[in-house]
Amino acid sequence: MPSLIITETLIQTQHFNREQDDRRRNKNLGKNFMCRLQCMFSHSSTSESRLSLEDTQQWSQSLERLLESKYGLATFRTFLKSEFSDENIEFWLTCEEYKKIKSSFRMSSKAKKIYEHFIKAEAPKEINIDYHTREQIKRAVKNPTLQCFDDAQKIVYGLMERDSYPRFLRSDIYRSLLDSLAADAVKG
């Protein structure tokens, strides 16, 4: 009987220690990630360009708000990479860059690369779109326009908004970052 009590006490102590370790690890995760983000953008060290609690809280208002923030975008990409599901954000960003192309030669070349990398069946970073959209893009890439990926981009944005974005808001990365920034704000 006494050995049973000792065993239960040891298990409870180990569980308590594990919980404390997890809390410490999450606190450090937020601090470490915040430092990495600010280092990534260290060329802009003005107070307006620093990562703030208010900006970080605003990421939870919408996916659009998150993607408008350089820190938000970097954090979201890191989260998606950690889940091995970064093809959607990479495709979406590539489409945003594609829409800025002025040269028809560059447009044609880039459209083919996008098709090969994201659209084509068994592509290295194949995105999840329906057969009809995939075929429509396959035809459009032969004579590309700035809008030839718009339908696929809308589908991908919707997928991120309904799936990845809510998971991101519940993730340790985001929660730890918020906690770390809140703790810094309290310290002053």
C-alpha atoms as a PDB file:
ATOM      1  CA  MET A   1       0.000   0.000   0.000  1.00  0.00           C
ATOM      2  CA  PRO A   2       2.701   2.587   0.878  1.00  0.00           C
ATOM      3  CA  SER A   3       4.492   1.885  -2.405  1.00  0.00           C
ATOM      4  CA  LEU A   4       1.249   2.643  -4.266  1.00  0.00           C
ATOM      5  CA  ILE A   5       0.989   6.044  -2.540  1.00  0.00           C
ATOM      6  CA  ILE A   6       4.639   6.788  -3.309  1.00  0.00           C
ATOM      7  CA  THR A   7       4.110   5.788  -6.953  1.00  0.00           C
ATOM      8  CA  GLU A   8       1.029   8.030  -7.263  1.00  0.00           C
ATOM      9  CA  THR A   9       2.912  10.921  -5.644  1.00  0.00           C
ATOM     10  CA  LEU A  10       5.826  10.451  -8.065  1.00  0.00           C
ATOM     11  CA  ILE A  11       3.446  10.399 -11.041  1.00  0.00           C
ATOM     12  CA  GLN A  12       1.697  13.569  -9.829  1.00  0.00           C
ATOM     13  CA  THR A  13       5.054  15.284  -9.261  1.00  0.00           C
ATOM     14  CA  GLN A  14       6.272  14.299 -12.735  1.00  0.00           C
ATOM     15  CA  HIS A  15       3.017  15.560 -14.267  1.00  0.00           C
ATOM     16  CA  PHE A  16       3.321  18.870 -12.385  1.00  0.00           C
ATOM     17  CA  ASN A  17       6.969  19.251 -13.466  1.00  0.00           C
ATOM     18  CA  ARG A  18       6.016  18.504 -17.076  1.00  0.00           C
ATOM     19  CA  GLU A  19       3.312  21.193 -16.976  1.00  0.00           C
ATOM     20  CA  GLN A  20       5.800  23.719 -15.570  1.00  0.00           C
ATOM     21  CA  ASP A  21       8.326  22.771 -18.268  1.00  0.00           C
ATOM     22  CA  ASP A  22       5.647  23.202 -20.945  1.00  0.00           C
ATOM     23  CA  ARG A  23       4.738  26.658 -19.620  1.00  0.00           C
ATOM     24  CA  ARG A  24       8.418  27.681 -19.545  1.00  0.00           C
ATOM     25  CA  ARG A  25       8.971  26.260 -23.029  1.00  0.00           C
ATOM     26  CA  ASN A  26       5.933  28.139 -24.433  1.00  0.00           C
ATOM     27  CA  LYS A  27       7.068  31.383 -22.793  1.00  0.00           C
ATOM     28  CA  ASN A  28      10.531  30.931 -24.298  1.00  0.00           C
ATOM     29  CA  LEU A  29       8.995  29.965 -27.659  1.00  0.00           C
ATOM     30  CA  GLY A  30       7.191  33.316 -27.801  1.00  0.00           C
ATOM     31  CA  LYS A  31      10.274  35.293 -26.751  1.00  0.00           C
ATOM     32  CA  ASN A  32      12.574  33.419 -29.135  1.00  0.00           C
ATOM     33  CA  PHE A  33      10.168  33.773 -32.029  1.00  0.00           C
ATOM     34  CA  MET A  34       9.677  37.477 -31.325  1.00  0.00           C
ATOM     35  CA  CYS A  35      13.454  37.980 -31.389  1.00  0.00           C
ATOM     36  CA  ARG A  36      13.785  36.041 -34.645  1.00  0.00           C
ATOM     37  CA  LEU A  37      11.033  38.091 -36.273  1.00  0.00           C
ATOM     38  CA  GLN A  38      12.575  41.374 -35.218  1.00  0.00           C
ATOM     39  CA  CYS A  39      15.986  40.215 -36.436  1.00  0.00           C
ATOM     40  CA  MET A  40      14.479  39.302 -39.822  1.00  0.00           C
ATOM     41  CA  PHE A  41      13.307  42.879 -40.197  1.00  0.00           C
ATOM     42  CA  SER A  42      16.125  44.561 -38.243  1.00  0.00           C
ATOM     43  CA  HIS A  43      16.876  46.966 -41.076  1.00  0.00           C
ATOM     44  CA  SER A  44      13.819  48.900 -39.922  1.00  0.00           C
ATOM     45  CA  SER A  45      14.409  49.601 -36.252  1.00  0.00           C
ATOM     46  CA  THR A  46      12.042  52.537 -35.808  1.00  0.00           C
ATOM     47  CA  SER A  47       9.457  52.137 -33.079  1.00  0.00           C
ATOM     48  CA  GLU A  48       6.586  52.076 -35.626  1.00  0.00           C
ATOM     49  CA  SER A  49       8.097  49.113 -37.434  1.00  0.00           C
ATOM     50  CA  ARG A  50       8.630  47.034 -34.287  1.00  0.00           C
ATOM     51  CA  LEU A  51       6.388  44.124 -33.453  1.00  0.00           C
ATOM     52  CA  SER A  52       3.725  45.303 -31.013  1.00  0.00           C
ATOM     53  CA  LEU A  53       1.049  43.629 -28.935  1.00  0.00           C
ATOM     54  CA  GLU A  54      -1.696  45.697 -30.603  1.00  0.00           C
ATOM     55  CA  ASP A  55      -0.620  44.718 -34.117  1.00  0.00           C
ATOM     56  CA  THR A  56      -0.280  41.091 -33.123  1.00  0.00           C
ATOM     57  CA  GLN A  57      -3.748  41.104 -31.557  1.00  0.00           C
ATOM     58  CA  GLN A  58      -5.177  42.568 -34.774  1.00  0.00           C
ATOM     59  CA  TRP A  59      -4.017  39.486 -36.696  1.00  0.00           C
ATOM     60  CA  SER A  60      -6.958  37.665 -35.133  1.00  0.00           C
ATOM     61  CA  GLN A  61      -9.465  40.019 -36.805  1.00  0.00           C
ATOM     62  CA  SER A  62      -9.052  38.524 -40.279  1.00  0.00           C
ATOM     63  CA  LEU A  63      -6.703  36.611 -42.536  1.00  0.00           C
ATOM     64  CA  GLU A  64      -6.425  39.746 -44.651  1.00  0.00           C
ATOM     65  CA  ARG A  65      -5.213  41.729 -41.623  1.00  0.00           C
ATOM     66  CA  LEU A  66      -2.685  38.993 -40.822  1.00  0.00           C
ATOM     67  CA  LEU A  67      -1.285  38.934 -44.376  1.00  0.00           C
ATOM     68  CA  GLU A  68      -1.026  42.756 -44.516  1.00  0.00           C
ATOM     69  CA  SER A  69       1.461  42.689 -41.633  1.00  0.00           C
ATOM     70  CA  LYS A  70       5.052  41.795 -42.498  1.00  0.00           C
ATOM     71  CA  TYR A  71       5.419  40.168 -39.076  1.00  0.00           C
ATOM     72  CA  GLY A  72       2.032  38.484 -39.398  1.00  0.00           C
ATOM     73  CA  LEU A  73       2.886  37.046 -42.793  1.00  0.00           C
ATOM     74  CA  ALA A  74       6.278  35.811 -41.560  1.00  0.00           C
ATOM     75  CA  THR A  75       4.679  34.218 -38.479  1.00  0.00           C
ATOM     76  CA  PHE A  76       1.911  32.583 -40.509  1.00  0.00           C
ATOM     77  CA  ARG A  77       4.437  31.188 -43.006  1.00  0.00           C
ATOM     78  CA  THR A  78       6.536  29.785 -40.170  1.00  0.00           C
ATOM     79  CA  PHE A  79       3.445  28.163 -38.680  1.00  0.00           C
ATOM     80  CA  LEU A  80       2.454  26.606 -42.024  1.00  0.00           C
ATOM     81  CA  LYS A  81       5.990  25.324 -42.599  1.00  0.00           C
ATOM     82  CA  SER A  82       5.931  23.727 -39.152  1.00  0.00           C
ATOM     83  CA  GLU A  83       2.781  21.861 -40.256  1.00  0.00           C
ATOM     84  CA  PHE A  84       4.264  20.986 -43.666  1.00  0.00           C
ATOM     85  CA  SER A  85       1.402  22.837 -45.343  1.00  0.00           C
ATOM     86  CA  ASP A  86       2.970  25.982 -46.733  1.00  0.00           C
ATOM     87  CA  GLU A  87       2.043  25.369 -50.392  1.00  0.00           C
ATOM     88  CA  ASN A  88      -1.113  27.505 -50.178  1.00  0.00           C
ATOM     89  CA  ILE A  89       0.561  30.631 -48.815  1.00  0.00           C
ATOM     90  CA  GLU A  90       3.486  30.179 -51.225  1.00  0.00           C
ATOM     91  CA  PHE A  91       1.066  29.915 -54.158  1.00  0.00           C
ATOM     92  CA  TRP A  92      -0.966  32.908 -52.985  1.00  0.00           C
ATOM     93  CA  LEU A  93       2.173  35.060 -52.594  1.00  0.00           C
ATOM     94  CA  THR A  94       3.522  33.908 -55.956  1.00  0.00           C
ATOM     95  CA  CYS A  95       0.236  34.954 -57.587  1.00  0.00           C
ATOM     96  CA  GLU A  96       0.448  38.365 -55.921  1.00  0.00           C
ATOM     97  CA  GLU A  97       3.931  38.821 -57.411  1.00  0.00           C
ATOM     98  CA  TYR A  98       2.777  37.468 -60.781  1.00  0.00           C
ATOM     99  CA  LYS A  99       0.073  40.159 -60.991  1.00  0.00           C
ATOM    100  CA  LYS A 100       2.800  42.840 -60.911  1.00  0.00           C
ATOM    101  CA  ILE A 101       4.545  41.584 -64.075  1.00  0.00           C
ATOM    102  CA  LYS A 102       4.564  44.045 -66.967  1.00  0.00           C
ATOM    103  CA  SER A 103       6.457  42.116 -69.654  1.00  0.00           C
ATOM    104  CA  SER A 104       4.448  39.578 -71.665  1.00  0.00           C
ATOM    105  CA  PHE A 105       7.573  37.413 -72.075  1.00  0.00           C
ATOM    106  CA  ARG A 106       8.153  37.323 -68.297  1.00  0.00           C
ATOM    107  CA  MET A 107       4.443  36.696 -67.759  1.00  0.00           C
ATOM    108  CA  SER A 108       4.504  33.683 -70.063  1.00  0.00           C
ATOM    109  CA  SER A 109       7.630  32.278 -68.447  1.00  0.00           C
ATOM    110  CA  LYS A 110       6.371  32.842 -64.904  1.00  0.00           C
ATOM    111  CA  ALA A 111       2.906  31.403 -65.688  1.00  0.00           C
ATOM    112  CA  LYS A 112       4.505  28.171 -66.893  1.00  0.00           C
ATOM    113  CA  LYS A 113       6.670  27.976 -63.754  1.00  0.00           C
ATOM    114  CA  ILE A 114       3.650  28.535 -61.518  1.00  0.00           C
ATOM    115  CA  TYR A 115       1.724  25.853 -63.381  1.00  0.00           C
ATOM    116  CA  GLU A 116       4.593  23.353 -63.093  1.00  0.00           C
ATOM    117  CA  HIS A 117       5.266  24.112 -59.432  1.00  0.00           C
ATOM    118  CA  PHE A 118       1.729  24.451 -58.011  1.00  0.00           C
ATOM    119  CA  ILE A 119      -1.044  23.475 -60.451  1.00  0.00           C
ATOM    120  CA  LYS A 120       0.011  20.444 -62.458  1.00  0.00           C
ATOM    121  CA  ALA A 121      -0.988  17.075 -61.000  1.00  0.00           C
ATOM    122  CA  GLU A 122       1.871  15.732 -58.859  1.00  0.00           C
ATOM    123  CA  ALA A 123       3.544  19.183 -58.817  1.00  0.00           C
ATOM    124  CA  PRO A 124       6.171  19.651 -56.079  1.00  0.00           C
ATOM    125  CA  LYS A 125       3.893  22.063 -54.161  1.00  0.00           C
ATOM    126  CA  GLU A 126       0.552  20.978 -55.633  1.00  0.00           C
ATOM    127  CA  ILE A 127      -2.355  23.003 -54.286  1.00  0.00           C
ATOM    128  CA  ASN A 128      -5.795  21.575 -53.591  1.00  0.00           C
ATOM    129  CA  ILE A 129      -8.068  22.829 -56.383  1.00  0.00           C
ATOM    130  CA  ASP A 130     -10.826  21.156 -58.357  1.00  0.00           C
ATOM    131  CA  TYR A 131     -10.298  19.463 -61.736  1.00  0.00           C
ATOM    132  CA  HIS A 132     -12.238  22.123 -63.657  1.00  0.00           C
ATOM    133  CA  THR A 133     -10.062  24.972 -62.307  1.00  0.00           C
ATOM    134  CA  ARG A 134      -6.889  22.977 -62.926  1.00  0.00           C
ATOM    135  CA  GLU A 135      -7.887  22.360 -66.565  1.00  0.00           C
ATOM    136  CA  GLN A 136      -8.931  25.978 -67.056  1.00  0.00           C
ATOM    137  CA  ILE A 137      -5.488  27.121 -65.891  1.00  0.00           C
ATOM    138  CA  LYS A 138      -3.767  24.512 -68.049  1.00  0.00           C
ATOM    139  CA  ARG A 139      -5.438  26.089 -71.109  1.00  0.00           C
ATOM    140  CA  ALA A 140      -4.894  29.670 -69.927  1.00  0.00           C
ATOM    141  CA  VAL A 141      -1.153  29.201 -69.409  1.00  0.00           C
ATOM    142  CA  LYS A 142      -0.734  28.783 -73.185  1.00  0.00           C
ATOM    143  CA  ASN A 143      -1.700  32.474 -73.595  1.00  0.00           C
ATOM    144  CA  PRO A 144      -1.445  33.823 -70.062  1.00  0.00           C
ATOM    145  CA  THR A 145      -3.059  36.961 -68.679  1.00  0.00           C
ATOM    146  CA  LEU A 146      -2.578  38.596 -65.302  1.00  0.00           C
ATOM    147  CA  GLN A 147      -5.871  36.994 -64.208  1.00  0.00           C
ATOM    148  CA  CYS A 148      -5.213  33.397 -65.267  1.00  0.00           C
ATOM    149  CA  PHE A 149      -4.612  32.218 -61.672  1.00  0.00           C
ATOM    150  CA  ASP A 150      -7.354  34.311 -60.021  1.00  0.00           C
ATOM    151  CA  ASP A 151      -9.859  31.462 -59.566  1.00  0.00           C
ATOM    152  CA  ALA A 152      -7.250  29.173 -58.033  1.00  0.00           C
ATOM    153  CA  GLN A 153      -5.981  31.988 -55.843  1.00  0.00           C
ATOM    154  CA  LYS A 154      -9.518  32.616 -54.527  1.00  0.00           C
ATOM    155  CA  ILE A 155      -9.946  28.904 -53.782  1.00  0.00           C
ATOM    156  CA  VAL A 156      -6.625  28.768 -51.937  1.00  0.00           C
ATOM    157  CA  TYR A 157      -7.396  31.934 -49.966  1.00  0.00           C
ATOM    158  CA  GLY A 158     -10.723  30.388 -48.922  1.00  0.00           C
ATOM    159  CA  LEU A 159      -8.974  27.196 -47.818  1.00  0.00           C
ATOM    160  CA  MET A 160      -6.491  29.160 -45.732  1.00  0.00           C
ATOM    161  CA  GLU A 161      -9.249  31.309 -44.245  1.00  0.00           C
ATOM    162  CA  ARG A 162     -11.396  28.326 -43.238  1.00  0.00           C
ATOM    163  CA  ASP A 163      -8.658  25.875 -42.225  1.00  0.00           C
ATOM    164  CA  SER A 164      -5.097  27.127 -41.685  1.00  0.00           C
ATOM    165  CA  TYR A 165      -5.933  30.540 -40.247  1.00  0.00           C
ATOM    166  CA  PRO A 166      -8.152  29.268 -37.373  1.00  0.00           C
ATOM    167  CA  ARG A 167      -5.490  26.645 -36.526  1.00  0.00           C
ATOM    168  CA  PHE A 168      -2.862  29.397 -36.546  1.00  0.00           C
ATOM    169  CA  LEU A 169      -4.884  31.476 -34.059  1.00  0.00           C
ATOM    170  CA  ARG A 170      -4.990  28.454 -31.707  1.00  0.00           C
ATOM    171  CA  SER A 171      -1.309  27.552 -32.258  1.00  0.00           C
ATOM    172  CA  ASP A 172       1.469  27.657 -29.683  1.00  0.00           C
ATOM    173  CA  ILE A 173       3.418  30.016 -31.954  1.00  0.00           C
ATOM    174  CA  TYR A 174       0.705  32.674 -31.975  1.00  0.00           C
ATOM    175  CA  ARG A 175      -0.432  32.212 -28.352  1.00  0.00           C
ATOM    176  CA  SER A 176       3.154  32.286 -27.061  1.00  0.00           C
ATOM    177  CA  LEU A 177       3.971  35.360 -29.093  1.00  0.00           C
ATOM    178  CA  LEU A 178       0.896  37.159 -27.690  1.00  0.00           C
ATOM    179  CA  ASP A 179       1.772  36.112 -24.136  1.00  0.00           C
ATOM    180  CA  SER A 180       5.355  37.257 -24.546  1.00  0.00           C
ATOM    181  CA  LEU A 181       4.335  40.645 -25.961  1.00  0.00           C
ATOM    182  CA  ALA A 182       1.712  41.074 -23.217  1.00  0.00           C
ATOM    183  CA  ALA A 183       4.329  40.311 -20.552  1.00  0.00           C
ATOM    184  CA  ASP A 184       6.695  42.869 -22.120  1.00  0.00           C
ATOM    185  CA  ALA A 185       3.895  45.465 -22.224  1.00  0.00           C
ATOM    186  CA  VAL A 186       3.235  44.957 -18.498  1.00  0.00           C
ATOM    187  CA  LYS A 187       6.944  45.413 -17.715  1.00  0.00           C
ATOM    188  CA  GLY A 188       6.903  48.649 -19.669  1.00  0.00           C
END
